[in-house]
Amino acid sequence: MRRLTQLFIKQSLVALTSASLLALSGAALAEKVAITGAQIHTLSSAGVIEQGTILLNDGKIQQVLDTVTVPSGYREIDASGKVVTPGFIGALTSLGLQEVSSSAGVVDARVDAHPVSSVGAAYDVQFAINPDSTIIPITRVEGFTNAVTSISRTGQLFNGQGAVIDLGTDFDAVIKANAFMHVRVNDGGADTNGESRAALWIALNQSLAEAVYAADYDLSPSEDWEGMITRADAKALIPVIKGEMPLLISADRASDILQALSLTKRFAALDIVLVGATEGWRVASQIAAADVPVILSPENNLPGGFDQLGATLLNAGRLHKAGVMVAIGMDTHNIRLAPQHAGNAVANGLPHAAGIAALTINVAKIFGVDDQIGSLEPGKHANLVVWSGDPLEVTQAAEQVFIEGEAIEMTSRQIQLRDRYLNRDPSKPVAYTR
């Protein structure tokens, strides 16, 4: 109920303020735009600019200035007293793959076993993304311009290959396909792989070893292949063992995290990213020494299982203090709640700047798209958000979202339903209100 109330307040604030702040018409979308007077969190070497200007041109950021300046030919948007950040990036989601799972028919976030793959590595989410998902506008109006999306369950060793997408309004959503591979070595992963880590880890090591062999082998159908993994799995895993594709490893307990780190002793080129890491704070120095980033949900504060006995709200702050790059994500389609989670992490020891970075530039760096998104710098995509105030405060809201320099309509199915029934005609039954 508390989250529904917060959502209603934030969406009401958006409805009241976004039109008066920007009042963008269809013709205005093609204009050169100068956003002036805001506190700008650049997430670059420029740091935080207290009162500056951002120039948008042709879908890109042209300049970020530390003065209030409106060049000739630019239409000014006065954002005085507001906050501007890069668009938030959902660090690990199933956006575009899931609607209402109980009644939506096929849910592309789940994959049943198929002969093309024996371990799940070959599955490729780029072919399953639906930019028309009603959950995308709901996420967008909360300040998200991009997301990392992935299969959430295969029942096999790997959850396949994920992608980075933008949350714009066109059908070409994928900005980076084959962006990562995902494997779970936590309790959930063990449960679906022999019901024991004793089987899971042998299968994982065997899969990677066969990929090493396959890198120098002819995988054409005319040649024999008798590995545990299929040819398609081997092809998918070759970039992983070469370090060309990050391997996301979901691990919660400290001993699982150390096992994950030890993979680089056997496969030196692996680019590992930890996911979850509920007990990461207990081995923070080892994670930092291995230069491995962590994607976590900082809300974990009670043991969710025997592999999470060390859960604490202090996890994100302790990892950051040890020198670990932290990103905040929730492995769900409800990634819109991540700013609130980041705010809670800040309340429990994570510096505020690190909280913003955990939703923007850190995510972009982990998935190799920081040359395009994640910070406000000249030449990067004009994906940014004008906020009513501090975006990590639940009482503040995204007033306008820009994707590729285009001001996105700040509405969603939830907002439309609210407006439909907020002032309905009492003389008519609810079903007749249109």
Protein backbone atom coordinates (compact mmCIF):
# COMPACT_ATOMS: atom_id res chain seq x y z
CA MET A 1 0.00 0.00 0.00
CA ARG A 2 2.85 2.37 0.83
CA ARG A 3 4.37 1.86 -2.63
CA LEU A 4 0.99 2.40 -4.33
CA THR A 5 0.49 5.64 -2.37
CA GLN A 6 3.99 6.84 -3.30
CA LEU A 7 3.36 5.98 -6.94
CA PHE A 8 0.04 7.91 -6.92
CA ILE A 9 1.71 10.99 -5.39
CA LYS A 10 4.62 10.91 -7.85
CA GLN A 11 2.39 10.41 -10.88
CA SER A 12 0.05 13.19 -9.76
CA LEU A 13 3.06 15.48 -9.39
CA VAL A 14 4.17 14.62 -12.90
CA ALA A 15 0.72 15.36 -14.31
CA LEU A 16 0.60 18.74 -12.59
CA THR A 17 4.11 19.93 -13.37
CA SER A 18 5.45 18.39 -16.57
CA ALA A 19 3.06 20.23 -18.87
CA SER A 20 3.74 23.59 -17.27
CA LEU A 21 7.50 22.98 -17.16
CA LEU A 22 8.08 22.00 -20.76
CA ALA A 23 4.81 22.16 -22.76
CA LEU A 24 6.44 20.42 -25.70
CA SER A 25 4.48 20.19 -28.94
CA GLY A 26 5.16 17.76 -31.77
CA ALA A 27 6.84 20.53 -33.75
CA ALA A 28 9.12 21.32 -30.83
CA LEU A 29 10.67 17.85 -30.84
CA ALA A 30 12.90 18.73 -33.78
CA GLU A 31 14.16 21.92 -32.19
CA LYS A 32 17.54 22.53 -30.69
CA VAL A 33 16.97 22.66 -26.94
CA ALA A 34 18.80 24.39 -24.10
CA ILE A 35 17.92 23.18 -20.60
CA THR A 36 19.01 25.93 -18.24
CA GLY A 37 19.37 26.69 -14.55
CA ALA A 38 19.26 23.15 -13.17
CA GLN A 39 21.64 21.39 -10.84
CA ILE A 40 23.32 19.01 -13.33
CA HIS A 41 24.75 15.68 -12.23
CA THR A 42 27.03 14.97 -15.17
CA LEU A 43 28.51 11.68 -13.86
CA SER A 44 31.68 12.74 -15.69
CA SER A 45 34.86 14.52 -14.68
CA ALA A 46 32.81 17.73 -14.64
CA GLY A 47 31.04 16.49 -11.51
CA VAL A 48 27.95 18.37 -10.29
CA ILE A 49 27.22 21.77 -11.86
CA GLU A 50 25.04 23.84 -9.56
CA GLN A 51 23.49 26.07 -12.23
CA GLY A 52 24.32 25.11 -15.77
CA THR A 53 23.07 24.53 -19.27
CA ILE A 54 22.72 21.40 -21.38
CA LEU A 55 22.49 21.83 -25.15
CA LEU A 56 20.68 19.10 -27.10
CA ASN A 57 21.01 18.82 -30.86
CA ASP A 58 20.11 16.00 -33.26
CA GLY A 59 19.51 13.47 -30.50
CA LYS A 60 22.92 14.02 -28.89
CA ILE A 61 24.32 16.12 -26.09
CA GLN A 62 26.13 18.98 -27.80
CA GLN A 63 27.53 20.76 -24.74
CA VAL A 64 27.29 20.89 -20.96
CA LEU A 65 28.07 24.37 -19.64
CA ASP A 66 28.61 25.70 -16.13
CA THR A 67 26.78 28.92 -16.99
CA VAL A 68 23.20 29.76 -17.93
CA THR A 69 23.56 30.30 -21.66
CA VAL A 70 21.08 30.07 -24.53
CA PRO A 71 22.78 30.21 -27.96
CA SER A 72 20.95 31.57 -30.96
CA GLY A 73 18.59 29.02 -32.49
CA TYR A 74 17.98 27.09 -29.27
CA ARG A 75 14.66 27.00 -27.45
CA GLU A 76 15.14 27.43 -23.73
CA ILE A 77 13.63 25.18 -21.09
CA ASP A 78 13.97 26.89 -17.74
CA ALA A 79 14.74 24.16 -15.19
CA SER A 80 15.77 26.48 -12.37
CA GLY A 81 15.45 24.74 -9.02
CA LYS A 82 15.28 21.35 -10.73
CA VAL A 83 17.80 18.51 -10.95
CA VAL A 84 19.04 16.94 -14.19
CA THR A 85 20.70 13.52 -14.35
CA PRO A 86 21.50 11.04 -17.06
CA GLY A 87 18.59 8.71 -17.72
CA PHE A 88 18.60 5.84 -15.26
CA ILE A 89 19.56 2.39 -16.56
CA GLY A 90 17.86 -0.73 -15.23
CA ALA A 91 20.84 -2.89 -14.34
CA LEU A 92 19.16 -6.28 -14.66
CA THR A 93 15.52 -6.60 -15.69
CA SER A 94 13.04 -8.56 -17.75
CA LEU A 95 11.62 -5.44 -19.40
CA GLY A 96 10.15 -6.12 -22.81
CA LEU A 97 9.81 -9.81 -22.03
CA GLN A 98 6.97 -9.91 -19.54
CA GLU A 99 3.48 -8.51 -19.13
CA VAL A 100 0.99 -10.09 -16.72
CA SER A 101 2.45 -13.56 -16.44
CA SER A 102 -0.79 -15.25 -15.30
CA SER A 103 -2.83 -14.14 -18.31
CA ALA A 104 -0.52 -12.92 -21.07
CA GLY A 105 0.04 -16.21 -22.86
CA VAL A 106 3.69 -16.75 -23.73
CA VAL A 107 6.07 -15.00 -21.32
CA ASP A 108 9.40 -14.55 -23.09
CA ALA A 109 11.24 -14.10 -19.79
CA ARG A 110 10.94 -17.86 -19.27
CA VAL A 111 12.39 -20.54 -21.52
CA ASP A 112 11.69 -24.26 -21.43
CA ALA A 113 14.44 -26.69 -22.39
CA HIS A 114 14.98 -26.96 -26.16
CA PRO A 115 17.26 -29.32 -28.14
CA VAL A 116 19.32 -26.39 -29.47
CA SER A 117 20.83 -25.99 -26.00
CA SER A 118 21.78 -28.39 -23.23
CA VAL A 119 22.87 -25.72 -20.72
CA GLY A 120 20.92 -22.59 -21.75
CA ALA A 121 23.86 -20.54 -23.05
CA ALA A 122 22.58 -20.40 -26.64
CA TYR A 123 19.30 -18.66 -25.84
CA ASP A 124 19.37 -15.07 -27.10
CA VAL A 125 16.96 -12.53 -25.65
CA GLN A 126 17.33 -9.97 -28.47
CA PHE A 127 14.75 -11.87 -30.52
CA ALA A 128 12.13 -11.80 -27.76
CA ILE A 129 11.97 -8.11 -26.82
CA ASN A 130 8.63 -6.37 -27.31
CA PRO A 131 8.97 -2.55 -27.16
CA ASP A 132 5.14 -2.34 -26.95
CA SER A 133 5.13 -3.79 -23.44
CA THR A 134 2.90 -1.68 -21.21
CA ILE A 135 5.50 -1.96 -18.43
CA ILE A 136 7.99 0.12 -20.43
CA PRO A 137 6.05 3.43 -20.23
CA ILE A 138 5.47 2.79 -16.51
CA THR A 139 9.23 2.45 -16.09
CA ARG A 140 10.02 5.38 -18.39
CA VAL A 141 7.98 7.96 -16.46
CA GLU A 142 9.98 7.02 -13.35
CA GLY A 143 13.16 8.31 -15.00
CA PHE A 144 14.53 5.27 -16.83
CA THR A 145 15.73 5.64 -20.41
CA ASN A 146 17.54 2.31 -20.82
CA ALA A 147 17.51 -1.18 -19.38
CA VAL A 148 19.56 -4.34 -19.35
CA THR A 149 17.12 -7.16 -20.03
CA SER A 150 17.50 -10.89 -19.61
CA ILE A 151 15.70 -14.21 -19.41
CA SER A 152 14.79 -14.77 -15.77
CA ARG A 153 14.43 -18.56 -15.83
CA THR A 154 15.51 -21.40 -18.10
CA GLY A 155 15.69 -24.28 -15.64
CA GLN A 156 19.18 -24.90 -17.03
CA LEU A 157 22.68 -23.81 -16.06
CA PHE A 158 22.73 -20.47 -17.91
CA ASN A 159 19.98 -17.88 -18.34
CA GLY A 160 21.16 -17.17 -21.86
CA GLN A 161 22.46 -13.99 -23.46
CA GLY A 162 20.99 -10.62 -22.47
CA ALA A 163 20.75 -7.27 -24.24
CA VAL A 164 20.85 -3.54 -23.52
CA ILE A 165 17.77 -1.71 -24.78
CA ASP A 166 16.47 1.84 -24.86
CA LEU A 167 12.97 2.61 -23.61
CA GLY A 168 11.99 4.93 -26.45
CA THR A 169 8.85 4.72 -28.53
CA ASP A 170 10.17 3.04 -31.68
CA PHE A 171 10.47 -0.68 -32.43
CA ASP A 172 14.27 -0.75 -32.72
CA ALA A 173 14.93 -1.05 -28.99
CA VAL A 174 18.17 -3.06 -28.87
CA ILE A 175 21.31 -0.92 -28.60
CA LYS A 176 23.61 -3.84 -27.72
CA ALA A 177 22.78 -7.48 -28.37
CA ASN A 178 24.75 -10.35 -26.83
CA ALA A 179 25.71 -7.97 -24.05
CA PHE A 180 26.30 -10.60 -21.37
CA MET A 181 25.85 -14.21 -20.25
CA HIS A 182 24.14 -15.00 -16.93
CA VAL A 183 24.62 -17.98 -14.62
CA ARG A 184 23.31 -18.55 -11.09
CA VAL A 185 25.44 -20.34 -8.50
CA ASN A 186 23.19 -19.43 -5.56
CA ASP A 187 20.54 -21.66 -3.98
CA GLY A 188 18.21 -21.18 -6.96
CA GLY A 189 20.91 -22.20 -9.40
CA ALA A 190 21.84 -25.27 -7.38
CA ASP A 191 18.19 -26.29 -7.14
CA THR A 192 17.81 -26.51 -10.93
CA ASN A 193 21.23 -28.09 -11.55
CA GLY A 194 21.36 -31.38 -9.73
CA GLU A 195 20.00 -29.84 -6.51
CA SER A 196 23.55 -29.37 -5.27
CA ARG A 197 26.50 -27.10 -5.86
CA ALA A 198 28.52 -30.29 -6.16
CA ALA A 199 26.88 -30.81 -9.56
CA LEU A 200 26.44 -27.17 -10.55
CA TRP A 201 30.11 -26.20 -10.30
CA ILE A 202 31.29 -29.29 -12.21
CA ALA A 203 28.80 -28.45 -14.98
CA LEU A 204 29.92 -24.81 -15.08
CA ASN A 205 33.61 -25.65 -15.26
CA GLN A 206 32.94 -28.31 -17.88
CA SER A 207 30.91 -25.87 -20.01
CA LEU A 208 33.64 -23.24 -19.95
CA ALA A 209 36.37 -25.80 -20.63
CA GLU A 210 34.49 -27.09 -23.66
CA ALA A 211 34.09 -23.51 -24.91
CA VAL A 212 37.88 -23.09 -24.67
CA TYR A 213 38.29 -26.21 -26.77
CA ALA A 214 35.58 -25.11 -29.22
CA ALA A 215 37.35 -21.80 -29.86
CA ASP A 216 39.90 -23.71 -31.97
CA TYR A 217 37.52 -26.34 -33.33
CA ASP A 218 35.38 -26.56 -36.46
CA LEU A 219 31.83 -26.42 -35.14
CA SER A 220 30.19 -26.96 -38.53
CA PRO A 221 27.56 -29.75 -38.71
CA SER A 222 29.87 -31.85 -40.88
CA GLU A 223 32.26 -32.34 -37.93
CA ASP A 224 31.62 -34.55 -34.93
CA TRP A 225 30.90 -32.83 -31.62
CA GLU A 226 30.44 -34.92 -28.50
CA GLY A 227 30.67 -32.31 -25.78
CA MET A 228 28.24 -31.93 -22.89
CA ILE A 229 27.17 -28.57 -24.32
CA THR A 230 25.69 -28.22 -27.81
CA ARG A 231 27.40 -26.51 -30.73
CA ALA A 232 25.10 -23.51 -30.26
CA ASP A 233 26.07 -23.31 -26.58
CA ALA A 234 29.76 -23.50 -27.47
CA LYS A 235 29.45 -20.67 -29.99
CA ALA A 236 27.67 -18.53 -27.41
CA LEU A 237 30.28 -19.20 -24.72
CA ILE A 238 33.39 -18.54 -26.82
CA PRO A 239 33.10 -14.73 -26.37
CA VAL A 240 32.70 -15.35 -22.63
CA ILE A 241 35.92 -17.33 -22.19
CA LYS A 242 37.73 -14.74 -24.34
CA GLY A 243 36.57 -11.92 -22.07
CA GLU A 244 34.58 -10.29 -24.88
CA MET A 245 31.24 -10.82 -23.12
CA PRO A 246 30.72 -10.28 -19.36
CA LEU A 247 29.70 -13.31 -17.32
CA LEU A 248 27.13 -12.30 -14.73
CA ILE A 249 27.25 -14.67 -11.76
CA SER A 250 24.42 -14.60 -9.25
CA ALA A 251 25.90 -15.52 -5.87
CA ASP A 252 24.81 -14.56 -2.37
CA ARG A 253 26.78 -16.37 0.30
CA ALA A 254 30.39 -15.48 0.88
CA SER A 255 31.72 -18.92 -0.05
CA ASP A 256 29.85 -18.86 -3.38
CA ILE A 257 31.28 -15.41 -4.12
CA LEU A 258 34.81 -16.66 -3.50
CA GLN A 259 34.16 -19.66 -5.75
CA ALA A 260 33.01 -17.26 -8.48
CA LEU A 261 36.15 -15.16 -8.11
CA SER A 262 38.31 -18.28 -8.35
CA LEU A 263 36.98 -18.97 -11.85
CA THR A 264 39.48 -16.44 -13.18
CA LYS A 265 42.31 -18.66 -11.95
CA ARG A 266 41.17 -21.35 -14.39
CA PHE A 267 39.87 -19.05 -17.14
CA ALA A 268 42.06 -15.97 -16.93
CA ALA A 269 40.25 -13.85 -19.53
CA LEU A 270 36.82 -14.03 -17.89
CA ASP A 271 35.11 -10.69 -17.29
CA ILE A 272 33.06 -11.44 -14.18
CA VAL A 273 30.22 -9.38 -12.68
CA LEU A 274 28.63 -10.46 -9.40
CA VAL A 275 24.85 -10.26 -9.06
CA GLY A 276 23.10 -10.23 -5.71
CA ALA A 277 26.15 -10.62 -3.47
CA THR A 278 24.00 -10.43 -0.34
CA GLU A 279 27.01 -11.37 1.79
CA GLY A 280 29.41 -9.41 -0.39
CA TRP A 281 30.40 -7.14 2.48
CA ARG A 282 31.98 -10.14 4.24
CA VAL A 283 34.48 -10.60 1.37
CA ALA A 284 34.52 -7.02 0.08
CA SER A 285 38.32 -6.78 0.06
CA GLN A 286 38.62 -9.87 -2.15
CA ILE A 287 35.98 -8.56 -4.56
CA ALA A 288 37.75 -5.19 -4.77
CA ALA A 289 41.16 -6.84 -5.28
CA ALA A 290 39.73 -8.84 -8.20
CA ASP A 291 38.30 -5.60 -9.68
CA VAL A 292 34.87 -7.22 -10.01
CA PRO A 293 31.74 -4.99 -10.02
CA VAL A 294 28.56 -5.93 -8.19
CA ILE A 295 24.91 -5.53 -9.19
CA LEU A 296 22.85 -5.78 -6.02
CA SER A 297 19.49 -5.10 -4.45
CA PRO A 298 20.38 -3.13 -1.31
CA GLU A 299 17.02 -3.88 0.31
CA ASN A 300 18.12 -7.32 1.54
CA ASN A 301 18.17 -7.07 5.32
CA LEU A 302 16.85 -10.42 6.51
CA PRO A 303 18.01 -13.91 5.54
CA GLY A 304 16.03 -14.99 2.49
CA GLY A 305 17.63 -18.41 2.75
CA PHE A 306 20.63 -20.19 4.20
CA ASP A 307 22.85 -18.54 1.61
CA GLN A 308 21.82 -15.05 2.84
CA LEU A 309 22.41 -15.24 6.59
CA GLY A 310 24.63 -12.16 6.47
CA ALA A 311 22.04 -9.88 4.81
CA THR A 312 22.28 -6.22 5.85
CA LEU A 313 21.19 -2.82 4.58
CA LEU A 314 24.82 -1.74 5.00
CA ASN A 315 26.01 -4.02 2.18
CA ALA A 316 26.14 -1.42 -0.63
CA GLY A 317 27.95 1.17 1.49
CA ARG A 318 30.49 -1.34 2.77
CA LEU A 319 31.24 -2.63 -0.72
CA HIS A 320 31.69 0.92 -2.03
CA LYS A 321 33.98 1.81 0.87
CA ALA A 322 36.14 -1.23 0.03
CA GLY A 323 36.53 0.04 -3.55
CA VAL A 324 33.95 -2.11 -5.32
CA MET A 325 31.97 -0.62 -8.22
CA VAL A 326 28.32 -0.94 -7.22
CA ALA A 327 25.26 -0.93 -9.47
CA ILE A 328 21.72 -1.23 -8.20
CA GLY A 329 19.30 -3.55 -9.95
CA MET A 330 16.60 -5.97 -8.97
CA ASP A 331 16.39 -8.76 -11.60
CA THR A 332 12.75 -7.91 -12.29
CA HIS A 333 10.42 -5.92 -14.54
CA ASN A 334 9.70 -3.61 -11.56
CA ILE A 335 13.04 -1.84 -11.91
CA ARG A 336 11.21 1.49 -11.52
CA LEU A 337 11.61 1.01 -7.75
CA ALA A 338 15.41 1.03 -7.97
CA PRO A 339 15.79 4.78 -7.20
CA GLN A 340 13.98 4.22 -3.92
CA HIS A 341 16.33 1.32 -3.19
CA ALA A 342 19.31 3.51 -4.03
CA GLY A 343 17.98 6.13 -1.62
CA ASN A 344 17.76 3.51 1.11
CA ALA A 345 21.34 2.47 0.37
CA VAL A 346 22.41 6.12 0.72
CA ALA A 347 20.59 6.26 4.06
CA ASN A 348 22.68 3.28 5.12
CA GLY A 349 26.17 4.42 4.21
CA LEU A 350 26.44 4.66 0.42
CA PRO A 351 27.51 8.20 -0.61
CA HIS A 352 24.84 10.10 -2.52
CA ALA A 353 27.02 10.50 -5.62
CA ALA A 354 27.65 6.75 -5.59
CA GLY A 355 23.90 6.17 -5.39
CA ILE A 356 23.35 8.17 -8.58
CA ALA A 357 26.32 6.44 -10.25
CA ALA A 358 24.87 3.04 -9.29
CA LEU A 359 21.86 3.82 -11.49
CA THR A 360 23.73 5.41 -14.41
CA ILE A 361 27.41 5.39 -15.34
CA ASN A 362 28.34 2.27 -13.37
CA VAL A 363 25.70 0.24 -15.19
CA ALA A 364 26.87 1.63 -18.53
CA LYS A 365 30.49 0.72 -17.75
CA ILE A 366 29.62 -2.83 -16.68
CA PHE A 367 27.89 -3.53 -19.99
CA GLY A 368 30.29 -1.62 -22.22
CA VAL A 369 27.92 1.13 -23.38
CA ASP A 370 29.45 4.03 -21.42
CA ASP A 371 30.58 5.59 -24.70
CA GLN A 372 26.88 6.10 -25.53
CA ILE A 373 24.91 6.52 -22.29
CA GLY A 374 25.30 6.83 -18.52
CA SER A 375 26.72 10.36 -18.25
CA LEU A 376 26.05 13.83 -19.62
CA GLU A 377 28.95 14.52 -21.99
CA PRO A 378 29.20 15.95 -25.52
CA GLY A 379 28.55 13.37 -28.21
CA LYS A 380 26.61 10.96 -26.04
CA HIS A 381 22.96 10.11 -26.57
CA ALA A 382 20.68 12.80 -25.16
CA ASN A 383 19.09 10.44 -22.62
CA LEU A 384 18.41 12.52 -19.55
CA VAL A 385 15.80 13.41 -16.97
CA VAL A 386 14.58 16.67 -15.44
CA TRP A 387 13.59 15.94 -11.83
CA SER A 388 11.52 18.01 -9.43
CA GLY A 389 14.28 17.52 -6.84
CA ASP A 390 16.62 14.83 -5.53
CA PRO A 391 15.78 11.70 -7.57
CA LEU A 392 16.63 9.43 -4.63
CA GLU A 393 13.85 10.98 -2.54
CA VAL A 394 10.49 9.21 -2.90
CA THR A 395 8.61 12.54 -2.73
CA GLN A 396 10.36 13.81 -5.89
CA ALA A 397 9.50 12.81 -9.43
CA ALA A 398 10.72 12.77 -13.01
CA GLU A 399 9.05 15.78 -14.66
CA GLN A 400 10.41 15.18 -18.15
CA VAL A 401 12.34 12.33 -19.72
CA PHE A 402 14.37 12.76 -22.90
CA ILE A 403 15.42 9.78 -25.03
CA GLU A 404 17.63 10.49 -28.03
CA GLY A 405 16.83 14.17 -27.48
CA GLU A 406 13.09 13.57 -27.79
CA ALA A 407 10.81 14.64 -24.97
CA ILE A 408 8.83 11.55 -24.07
CA GLU A 409 5.13 11.85 -23.29
CA MET A 410 4.92 11.48 -19.52
CA THR A 411 2.07 9.00 -19.38
CA SER A 412 1.48 5.30 -18.88
CA ARG A 413 -1.40 2.90 -18.62
CA GLN A 414 -1.48 3.42 -14.86
CA ILE A 415 -1.70 7.19 -15.23
CA GLN A 416 -4.41 6.88 -17.88
CA LEU A 417 -6.43 4.55 -15.64
CA ARG A 418 -6.03 6.95 -12.73
CA ASP A 419 -7.26 9.86 -14.83
CA ARG A 420 -10.12 7.80 -16.25
CA TYR A 421 -11.62 7.02 -12.86
CA LEU A 422 -10.50 10.04 -10.83
CA ASN A 423 -13.29 12.26 -12.12
CA ARG A 424 -15.77 9.81 -13.59
CA ASP A 425 -19.42 10.61 -14.24
CA PRO A 426 -21.22 9.30 -11.12
CA SER A 427 -24.48 8.92 -13.06
CA LYS A 428 -22.91 6.10 -15.10
CA PRO A 429 -21.65 2.71 -14.00
CA VAL A 430 -17.86 2.45 -13.82
CA ALA A 431 -17.75 0.18 -16.86
CA TYR A 432 -19.30 2.93 -19.04
CA THR A 433 -16.76 5.60 -18.14
CA ARG A 434 -14.50 6.30 -21.11
